[in-house]
Amino acid sequence: MVTRIDDNGKVFTDRVTKDRVAAIVQTATHRVRGFVFCDRELRLKDELNASQEQFIAMAEAEVLGADDNVIQRTPFLTINKRHIVWLMPIETANTTNSQGR
């Protein structure tokens, strides 16, 4: 990644393009449905394992109750990766790409 610092000390980096992947995340206490983001060169599993980030970001997140009804909606949510039990991509025509993420 290229980094540039201007005369005022502001740091600029290249913009990273990621694919938006519909997914369900199960934590120890909740199930969350929404969109996670994955580098185009990586599988979703690789993104979770390779990244040094402690949290993953979800967009358009819905927290589901035990009966799978939505109990909370939010445009943005972060989840601590240590609390993830499993993560499952949701296959839809609008969110998957040719690599089947």
Protein backbone atom coordinates (compact mmCIF):
# COMPACT_ATOMS: atom_id res chain seq x y z
CA MET A 1 0.00 0.00 0.00
CA VAL A 2 1.36 3.41 -0.97
CA THR A 3 1.41 6.04 1.76
CA ARG A 4 1.78 9.77 1.14
CA ILE A 5 2.10 12.54 3.74
CA ASP A 6 1.23 16.12 2.75
CA ASP A 7 2.94 19.31 3.99
CA ASN A 8 0.50 19.52 6.94
CA GLY A 9 1.29 15.97 8.11
CA LYS A 10 -1.96 14.40 6.90
CA VAL A 11 -1.46 10.75 5.88
CA PHE A 12 -3.02 9.47 2.66
CA THR A 13 -3.15 5.83 1.55
CA ASP A 14 -4.49 4.05 -1.51
CA ARG A 15 -8.19 3.31 -1.44
CA VAL A 16 -8.82 -0.39 -0.88
CA THR A 17 -11.68 -1.87 -2.91
CA LYS A 18 -13.56 -4.71 -1.25
CA ASP A 19 -16.46 -6.89 -2.30
CA ARG A 20 -19.66 -6.66 -0.28
CA VAL A 21 -20.73 -10.16 0.82
CA ALA A 22 -24.12 -10.99 2.34
CA ALA A 23 -23.55 -13.17 5.39
CA ILE A 24 -24.90 -14.49 8.67
CA VAL A 25 -22.61 -14.35 11.71
CA GLN A 26 -23.28 -16.48 14.78
CA THR A 27 -21.77 -15.29 18.06
CA ALA A 28 -22.05 -17.07 21.39
CA THR A 29 -25.25 -15.14 22.15
CA HIS A 30 -26.67 -13.71 18.90
CA ARG A 31 -27.08 -14.29 15.19
CA VAL A 32 -26.47 -11.28 12.92
CA ARG A 33 -27.41 -10.94 9.25
CA GLY A 34 -25.91 -8.27 7.02
CA PHE A 35 -23.01 -7.50 4.71
CA VAL A 36 -19.32 -8.07 5.43
CA PHE A 37 -16.47 -6.88 3.21
CA CYS A 38 -13.71 -8.96 1.63
CA ASP A 39 -10.62 -8.04 -0.40
CA ARG A 40 -11.08 -9.14 -3.99
CA GLU A 41 -7.95 -11.29 -3.87
CA LEU A 42 -9.01 -13.18 -0.72
CA ARG A 43 -11.67 -15.67 0.28
CA LEU A 44 -13.86 -14.62 3.20
CA LYS A 45 -12.11 -17.19 5.42
CA ASP A 46 -8.73 -15.73 4.47
CA GLU A 47 -9.97 -12.22 5.24
CA LEU A 48 -10.98 -13.29 8.74
CA ASN A 49 -7.75 -15.19 9.42
CA ALA A 50 -5.20 -12.94 7.71
CA SER A 51 -6.33 -9.55 8.92
CA GLN A 52 -4.70 -8.12 12.03
CA GLU A 53 -7.96 -6.34 12.85
CA GLN A 54 -9.74 -7.51 16.01
CA PHE A 55 -13.19 -6.56 14.68
CA ILE A 56 -15.08 -7.15 11.45
CA ALA A 57 -17.47 -4.56 10.09
CA MET A 58 -21.03 -5.32 9.01
CA ALA A 59 -23.29 -3.01 7.04
CA GLU A 60 -27.10 -3.10 7.13
CA ALA A 61 -26.88 -5.42 10.15
CA GLU A 62 -29.91 -7.14 11.65
CA VAL A 63 -29.61 -8.81 15.05
CA LEU A 64 -31.90 -11.84 15.12
CA GLY A 65 -33.72 -13.35 18.07
CA ALA A 66 -34.01 -17.06 18.85
CA ASP A 67 -37.05 -17.26 16.56
CA ASP A 68 -35.09 -15.54 13.70
CA ASN A 69 -37.21 -12.38 14.00
CA VAL A 70 -35.28 -9.10 13.74
CA ILE A 71 -34.82 -7.56 17.19
CA GLN A 72 -32.47 -4.73 16.17
CA ARG A 73 -31.40 -3.03 12.91
CA THR A 74 -28.42 -0.76 12.42
CA PRO A 75 -26.62 0.62 9.35
CA PHE A 76 -23.21 -0.30 10.84
CA LEU A 77 -22.02 -2.83 13.40
CA THR A 78 -18.62 -4.18 14.39
CA ILE A 79 -18.19 -7.66 15.82
CA ASN A 80 -15.20 -8.85 17.80
CA LYS A 81 -13.77 -11.80 15.84
CA ARG A 82 -13.04 -13.68 19.08
CA HIS A 83 -16.80 -13.97 19.64
CA ILE A 84 -17.64 -15.44 16.25
CA VAL A 85 -18.74 -19.09 16.40
CA TRP A 86 -19.38 -19.34 12.64
CA LEU A 87 -19.88 -17.13 9.61
CA MET A 88 -21.86 -18.19 6.55
CA PRO A 89 -22.04 -16.31 3.24
CA ILE A 90 -25.57 -16.04 1.86
CA GLU A 91 -25.73 -16.92 -1.82
CA THR A 92 -27.82 -14.37 -3.72
CA ALA A 93 -27.66 -13.14 -7.29
CA ASN A 94 -26.95 -9.56 -6.21
CA THR A 95 -24.18 -10.19 -3.67
CA THR A 96 -22.03 -13.07 -4.92
CA ASN A 97 -19.32 -12.84 -7.51
CA SER A 98 -17.82 -15.36 -9.91
CA GLN A 99 -15.55 -16.75 -7.19
CA GLY A 100 -18.53 -17.80 -5.04
CA ARG A 101 -17.73 -15.84 -1.92
